[in-house]
C-alpha cells in the first residue's frame, strides 16, 4: 500500500492498519513521519527503527516515493503551492531557483537513503518547466518546448548519476503537470536523457484513462521501462454537456467534475487486460495500491481495493498457462 494518502497518521499506525487488512508491504512516502530523507542519512538508527516497525507488523518495503520534492526540481513557476508541500529546509527563502536546486540535492539524497533502507526503486515526479504551456495559447514555439526538455535533462542527469552510483532506479509517474504526462511526452522524455537505465516509469493508469491514453498499449510499448506499478482507478463522467475533462477547478469528489479518482475496480481502467499485459512483459516487481477515492471512507476502500487487486494478480502468466494446458510441451 502506498502511504502517501495516509501521511496524516503516524507511520506505526499505518503499518498496523495495512497488516490487519492483509497487505504484504508498503510503498513508503517521504513525507509525514513515514520516511524522512535527512534523518535517514544523518542517523543510522533511524533506518533500523523503520525496519523494526515493519518487521513487527510482518511487512516488507520495496519502494519509497518522493513525489513532493521531485515536483520542485523542474517546476515553473515555484509558488505557494510548493511551499505547502515542501519541507521548510527545501523551501528556504522561497527563491525559485534556490528551491529547485535544493530539491535536486534532496532527490540525490533520496537515492542514497533508499539504498540505505535496502530498496532499489524510488517513485516520484519530476516537475516541468513547460507544463504551464499545455493549453497552447498564446501559441507556443517549438523552441520553448525544446528548451523545456533540455532543462529537464540538465537538472535530472546529475540526479540520475547518483542513482547509478548507489544502484537505485527512479520510476517517474506519468502524470499531468510532469515533463512526461502522456504517451508522446513519455517518448520525448526518454529521448531527452538518452534512454539511460536509471530512469524508468511508474505505471499508474488513473491519469491515462481520462486523457484517453490506452494503459494496456502503454505497458506493451514501454515494457522495458516499467519499474513500478501503482493501482489507482479513475472514472470519466463527461457526456452531459457540462462536465469537462479538465474538471473546471472543482475539488476532488465534486460530482460536477468530468472525472475523478475512485476506488480500484470501480472506474474505467481495463484492469484485467492491464494485468494480462503486465504478465506478458514479464513484470515481476511490486504491485502497489494507491488509494485516493475522496468519495469513500478510506478504512473501507483500502481493504476492498486490496481484495480486488489480489484477484487480478491471480491471472496466470502466458507461459504458465500454456504449460498447465499442454504439460510444458
Protein backbone atom coordinates (compact mmCIF):
# COMPACT_ATOMS: atom_id res chain seq x y z
CA UNK A 1 0.00 0.00 0.00
CA UNK A 2 1.28 3.47 -0.89
CA UNK A 3 1.34 5.54 2.29
CA UNK A 4 1.15 8.99 0.69
CA UNK A 5 -2.58 9.40 1.30
CA UNK A 6 -2.10 8.25 4.91
CA UNK A 7 0.66 10.66 5.92
CA UNK A 8 -1.66 12.35 8.43
CA UNK A 9 -1.36 9.17 10.51
CA UNK A 10 1.79 8.07 12.35
CA UNK A 11 3.87 5.51 10.47
CA UNK A 12 3.30 2.78 13.03
CA UNK A 13 -0.48 3.25 12.83
CA UNK A 14 -0.39 2.90 9.04
CA UNK A 15 1.69 -0.27 9.43
CA UNK A 16 -0.86 -1.67 11.88
CA UNK A 17 -3.78 -0.95 9.55
CA UNK A 18 -2.04 -2.33 6.47
CA UNK A 19 -1.11 -5.53 8.29
CA UNK A 20 -4.64 -6.02 9.62
CA UNK A 21 -6.03 -5.67 6.10
CA UNK A 22 -3.58 -8.24 4.73
CA UNK A 23 -1.09 -6.12 2.80
CA UNK A 24 2.33 -7.64 2.20
CA UNK A 25 4.23 -4.38 2.50
CA UNK A 26 4.35 -0.65 1.93
CA UNK A 27 5.45 1.85 -0.67
CA UNK A 28 6.61 4.43 1.86
CA UNK A 29 6.10 8.13 1.22
CA UNK A 30 8.91 10.55 2.09
CA UNK A 31 6.64 12.91 3.99
CA UNK A 32 4.79 13.00 7.27
CA UNK A 33 6.79 10.87 9.71
CA UNK A 34 6.79 7.92 7.30
CA UNK A 35 10.30 8.34 5.89
CA UNK A 36 12.43 11.46 6.34
CA UNK A 37 15.39 11.50 3.98
CA UNK A 38 17.58 13.83 6.02
CA UNK A 39 17.11 11.77 9.19
CA UNK A 40 17.76 8.52 7.34
CA UNK A 41 21.18 9.79 6.24
CA UNK A 42 22.10 11.52 9.47
CA UNK A 43 21.25 8.72 11.90
CA UNK A 44 21.97 5.04 11.26
CA UNK A 45 19.44 4.03 13.91
CA UNK A 46 16.64 5.83 12.04
CA UNK A 47 16.55 3.27 9.22
CA UNK A 48 16.93 0.43 11.69
CA UNK A 49 13.90 1.67 13.64
CA UNK A 50 11.79 1.86 10.49
CA UNK A 51 12.72 -1.70 9.56
CA UNK A 52 11.90 -2.84 13.08
CA UNK A 53 8.41 -1.33 12.88
CA UNK A 54 7.83 -3.03 9.52
CA UNK A 55 9.05 -6.36 10.87
CA UNK A 56 6.83 -6.01 13.93
CA UNK A 57 3.83 -5.98 11.60
CA UNK A 58 5.23 -8.57 9.15
CA UNK A 59 5.51 -6.01 6.38
CA UNK A 60 8.16 -5.53 3.69
CA UNK A 61 9.28 -2.45 1.77
CA UNK A 62 10.34 -2.50 -1.87
CA UNK A 63 9.94 1.17 -2.79
CA UNK A 64 9.96 4.66 -1.37
CA UNK A 65 8.32 7.65 -3.04
CA UNK A 66 9.29 11.30 -3.06
CA UNK A 67 6.78 12.96 -5.35
CA UNK A 68 6.60 16.23 -3.43
CA UNK A 69 10.27 17.17 -3.56
CA UNK A 70 10.75 15.76 -7.06
CA UNK A 71 7.99 18.07 -8.29
CA UNK A 72 10.06 21.13 -7.39
CA UNK A 73 13.15 20.11 -9.37
CA UNK A 74 11.87 21.42 -12.72
CA UNK A 75 8.65 23.27 -11.94
CA UNK A 76 7.82 26.75 -13.20
CA UNK A 77 6.50 28.76 -11.52
CA UNK A 78 7.57 27.91 -7.98
CA UNK A 79 4.95 29.42 -5.71
CA UNK A 80 2.77 28.97 -2.63
CA UNK A 81 1.64 25.52 -3.79
CA UNK A 82 5.19 24.26 -3.41
CA UNK A 83 5.65 25.96 -0.05
CA UNK A 84 2.65 23.96 1.18
CA UNK A 85 4.16 20.58 0.24
CA UNK A 86 7.91 21.02 0.75
CA UNK A 87 9.95 20.68 3.94
CA UNK A 88 10.95 24.11 5.26
CA UNK A 89 14.61 23.27 4.69
CA UNK A 90 13.89 22.78 0.96
CA UNK A 91 11.68 25.87 0.64
CA UNK A 92 14.26 28.10 2.36
CA UNK A 93 13.73 31.74 1.37
CA UNK A 94 11.35 30.77 -1.40
CA UNK A 95 13.66 31.93 -4.18
CA UNK A 96 12.57 29.78 -7.12
CA UNK A 97 15.98 28.70 -8.37
CA UNK A 98 17.23 28.02 -4.84
CA UNK A 99 14.18 25.80 -4.28
CA UNK A 100 14.85 23.86 -7.48
CA UNK A 101 18.50 23.29 -6.57
CA UNK A 102 17.67 22.25 -3.01
CA UNK A 103 15.04 19.84 -4.35
CA UNK A 104 17.58 18.34 -6.76
CA UNK A 105 20.04 17.74 -3.92
CA UNK A 106 17.27 16.14 -1.86
CA UNK A 107 16.45 13.76 -4.71
CA UNK A 108 20.10 12.71 -4.81
CA UNK A 109 19.89 12.09 -1.07
CA UNK A 110 16.65 10.16 -1.60
CA UNK A 111 18.58 7.68 -3.76
CA UNK A 112 21.21 7.35 -1.03
CA UNK A 113 18.55 6.88 1.65
CA UNK A 114 16.75 4.27 -0.46
CA UNK A 115 19.95 2.29 -0.79
CA UNK A 116 20.45 2.51 2.96
CA UNK A 117 16.93 1.19 3.51
CA UNK A 118 17.61 -1.66 1.10
CA UNK A 119 15.19 -0.73 -1.68
CA UNK A 120 16.09 -0.43 -5.35
CA UNK A 121 13.40 1.91 -6.69
CA UNK A 122 12.32 5.46 -5.90
CA UNK A 123 8.98 6.57 -7.33
CA UNK A 124 8.24 10.22 -7.90
CA UNK A 125 7.56 13.26 -10.02
CA UNK A 126 10.00 15.41 -12.00
CA UNK A 127 8.11 18.67 -12.33
CA UNK A 128 8.11 20.52 -15.64
CA UNK A 129 9.12 23.99 -16.80
CA UNK A 130 6.69 23.75 -19.75
CA UNK A 131 3.53 22.20 -18.29
CA UNK A 132 2.04 25.70 -17.97
CA UNK A 133 2.13 25.93 -21.79
CA UNK A 134 -0.08 22.89 -22.33
CA UNK A 135 -3.23 24.91 -23.13
CA UNK A 136 -1.33 26.20 -26.18
CA UNK A 137 -2.35 29.88 -26.01
CA UNK A 138 -0.60 32.13 -26.53
CA UNK A 139 0.90 29.90 -29.22
CA UNK A 140 3.98 28.03 -28.01
CA UNK A 141 7.01 27.98 -30.31
CA UNK A 142 8.82 24.68 -30.73
CA UNK A 143 11.95 26.31 -29.33
CA UNK A 144 10.22 26.79 -25.98
CA UNK A 145 9.24 23.11 -25.79
CA UNK A 146 12.75 22.07 -26.81
CA UNK A 147 14.15 24.23 -24.02
CA UNK A 148 11.83 22.53 -21.52
CA UNK A 149 13.18 19.09 -22.33
CA UNK A 150 16.76 20.40 -22.18
CA UNK A 151 16.01 21.89 -18.78
CA UNK A 152 14.69 18.53 -17.59
CA UNK A 153 17.78 16.71 -18.85
CA UNK A 154 20.16 19.29 -17.37
CA UNK A 155 18.54 19.07 -13.95
CA UNK A 156 17.87 15.33 -13.79
CA UNK A 157 21.02 13.85 -15.33
CA UNK A 158 23.15 14.80 -12.29
CA UNK A 159 20.47 13.32 -10.03
CA UNK A 160 20.44 10.12 -12.05
CA UNK A 161 24.22 9.94 -11.81
CA UNK A 162 23.79 9.47 -8.05
CA UNK A 163 21.06 6.88 -8.61
CA UNK A 164 23.55 4.97 -10.78
CA UNK A 165 26.27 5.30 -8.15
CA UNK A 166 24.15 3.71 -5.41
CA UNK A 167 22.36 1.12 -7.58
CA UNK A 168 18.86 2.58 -7.32
CA UNK A 169 16.43 3.38 -10.16
CA UNK A 170 13.97 6.26 -10.47
CA UNK A 171 10.42 5.43 -11.59
CA UNK A 172 8.72 8.57 -12.91
CA UNK A 173 4.95 8.66 -12.51
CA UNK A 174 3.46 9.71 -15.85
CA UNK A 175 1.01 12.37 -14.71
CA UNK A 176 -0.35 15.79 -15.72
CA UNK A 177 1.95 18.61 -14.53
CA UNK A 178 5.06 16.46 -15.24
CA UNK A 179 7.57 16.51 -18.08
CA UNK A 180 6.07 13.15 -19.18
CA UNK A 181 2.30 13.22 -18.79
CA UNK A 182 1.01 11.10 -21.70
CA UNK A 183 2.29 8.75 -24.39
CA UNK A 184 4.22 11.08 -26.68
CA UNK A 185 5.68 13.20 -23.89
CA UNK A 186 6.97 9.97 -22.34
CA UNK A 187 8.72 9.11 -25.61
CA UNK A 188 10.32 12.53 -25.74
CA UNK A 189 11.33 12.46 -22.07
CA UNK A 190 13.20 9.19 -22.52
CA UNK A 191 14.88 10.58 -25.62
CA UNK A 192 15.93 13.72 -23.74
CA UNK A 193 18.09 11.69 -21.32
CA UNK A 194 19.34 9.19 -23.88
CA UNK A 195 17.19 6.34 -22.54
CA UNK A 196 19.53 5.91 -19.59
CA UNK A 197 18.57 2.92 -17.46
CA UNK A 198 18.44 4.82 -14.18
CA UNK A 199 15.22 6.50 -15.35
CA UNK A 200 12.09 4.40 -15.84
CA UNK A 201 8.36 4.65 -15.28
CA UNK A 202 5.81 4.11 -12.59
CA UNK A 203 2.78 2.72 -14.41
CA UNK A 204 -0.36 4.29 -12.91
CA UNK A 205 -3.34 4.12 -15.27
CA UNK A 206 -5.60 6.53 -13.39
CA UNK A 207 -4.35 9.60 -15.24
CA UNK A 208 -4.20 7.79 -18.56
CA UNK A 209 -7.84 6.84 -19.00
CA UNK A 210 -9.26 10.34 -18.66
CA UNK A 211 -6.69 11.56 -21.21
CA UNK A 212 -7.78 8.67 -23.50
CA UNK A 213 -4.31 7.11 -23.38
CA UNK A 214 -4.52 3.32 -23.60
CA UNK A 215 -2.92 1.94 -20.40
CA UNK A 216 -2.54 -1.53 -21.95
CA UNK A 217 -0.71 -0.27 -25.01
CA UNK A 218 1.45 1.87 -22.74
CA UNK A 219 2.60 -1.24 -20.87
CA UNK A 220 3.44 -3.07 -24.06
CA UNK A 221 5.23 -0.16 -25.74
CA UNK A 222 7.29 0.81 -22.67
CA UNK A 223 7.81 -2.74 -21.43
CA UNK A 224 11.50 -2.29 -20.60
CA UNK A 225 10.79 0.89 -18.61
CA UNK A 226 8.02 -0.26 -16.28
CA UNK A 227 9.93 -0.19 -12.99
CA UNK A 228 6.97 0.01 -10.64
CA UNK A 229 3.18 -0.42 -10.73
CA UNK A 230 0.61 1.66 -8.86
CA UNK A 231 -3.02 0.53 -8.96
CA UNK A 232 -5.21 3.61 -8.85
CA UNK A 233 -8.54 3.94 -10.68
CA UNK A 234 -10.45 6.86 -12.16
CA UNK A 235 -13.92 7.40 -13.55
CA UNK A 236 -14.75 9.61 -16.53
CA UNK A 237 -18.11 11.36 -16.15
CA UNK A 238 -18.20 13.53 -19.27
CA UNK A 239 -21.03 13.42 -21.78
CA UNK A 240 -23.72 15.58 -20.20
CA UNK A 241 -22.53 18.75 -21.91
CA UNK A 242 -21.38 20.35 -18.66
CA UNK A 243 -18.66 18.18 -17.16
CA UNK A 244 -15.33 18.62 -18.96
CA UNK A 245 -12.14 16.57 -18.83
CA UNK A 246 -10.14 19.43 -17.30
CA UNK A 247 -12.58 19.43 -14.36
CA UNK A 248 -13.24 23.15 -14.05
CA UNK A 249 -11.07 23.80 -10.94
CA UNK A 250 -13.58 21.81 -8.89
CA UNK A 251 -12.50 19.89 -5.81
CA UNK A 252 -11.98 16.13 -5.70
CA UNK A 253 -15.27 14.24 -5.26
CA UNK A 254 -17.34 17.16 -6.58
CA UNK A 255 -19.84 15.41 -8.85
CA UNK A 256 -19.67 18.28 -11.35
CA UNK A 257 -16.13 17.20 -12.29
CA UNK A 258 -15.59 15.46 -15.62
CA UNK A 259 -13.51 12.76 -13.97
CA UNK A 260 -12.39 11.73 -10.53
CA UNK A 261 -10.47 9.08 -8.66
CA UNK A 262 -12.50 6.09 -7.50
CA UNK A 263 -11.60 3.00 -5.52
CA UNK A 264 -9.75 0.42 -7.61
CA UNK A 265 -12.23 -1.68 -9.55
CA UNK A 266 -14.96 0.98 -9.61
CA UNK A 267 -13.66 3.02 -12.55
CA UNK A 268 -12.79 2.89 -16.23
CA UNK A 269 -9.36 1.23 -16.11
CA UNK A 270 -9.46 -2.12 -18.00
CA UNK A 271 -7.79 -3.91 -15.13
CA UNK A 272 -7.87 -7.50 -16.39
CA UNK A 273 -6.30 -6.55 -19.72
CA UNK A 274 -3.72 -4.46 -17.87
CA UNK A 275 -2.65 -7.36 -15.67
CA UNK A 276 -2.52 -9.68 -18.67
CA UNK A 277 -0.23 -7.13 -20.33
CA UNK A 278 1.98 -6.90 -17.24
CA UNK A 279 2.27 -10.69 -17.26
CA UNK A 280 3.09 -10.71 -20.96
CA UNK A 281 6.06 -8.35 -20.50
CA UNK A 282 7.31 -10.40 -17.55
CA UNK A 283 6.80 -7.70 -14.93
CA UNK A 284 7.70 -9.21 -11.56
CA UNK A 285 8.01 -6.11 -9.38
CA UNK A 286 5.74 -4.73 -6.65
CA UNK A 287 2.04 -4.12 -7.20
CA UNK A 288 1.21 -1.10 -5.06
CA UNK A 289 -2.30 0.11 -4.28
CA UNK A 290 -2.57 3.89 -4.23
CA UNK A 291 -5.97 4.51 -2.72
CA UNK A 292 -7.28 8.04 -3.39
CA UNK A 293 -11.08 7.99 -3.55
CA UNK A 294 -12.29 11.15 -1.78
CA UNK A 295 -15.87 9.89 -2.02
CA UNK A 296 -15.35 6.70 0.01
CA UNK A 297 -14.23 6.07 3.58
CA UNK A 298 -10.61 5.02 3.23
CA UNK A 299 -10.91 2.50 6.06
CA UNK A 300 -13.40 0.64 3.86
CA UNK A 301 -11.87 1.42 0.48
CA UNK A 302 -8.27 0.38 1.10
CA UNK A 303 -9.05 -3.22 2.16
CA UNK A 304 -11.65 -3.54 -0.62
CA UNK A 305 -9.06 -2.43 -3.21
CA UNK A 306 -6.59 -4.99 -1.85
CA UNK A 307 -9.04 -7.85 -2.38
CA UNK A 308 -9.80 -6.67 -5.92
CA UNK A 309 -6.12 -6.50 -6.86
CA UNK A 310 -5.40 -9.89 -5.28
CA UNK A 311 -7.98 -11.43 -7.62
CA UNK A 312 -6.35 -9.71 -10.58
CA UNK A 313 -2.93 -10.89 -9.53
CA UNK A 314 -4.17 -14.48 -9.77
CA UNK A 315 -4.29 -14.18 -13.57
CA UNK A 316 -1.88 -16.83 -14.84
CA UNK A 317 1.10 -15.59 -16.87
CA UNK A 318 1.00 -16.79 -20.52
CA UNK A 319 3.87 -19.31 -20.25
CA UNK A 320 2.48 -20.85 -17.06
CA UNK A 321 -0.96 -21.11 -18.61
CA UNK A 322 0.47 -22.88 -21.67
CA UNK A 323 2.46 -25.30 -19.52
CA UNK A 324 -0.62 -26.09 -17.42
CA UNK A 325 -2.70 -26.78 -20.52
CA UNK A 326 -0.15 -28.74 -22.53
CA UNK A 327 2.14 -30.25 -19.93
CA UNK A 328 5.05 -27.98 -20.76
CA UNK A 329 5.44 -29.39 -24.26
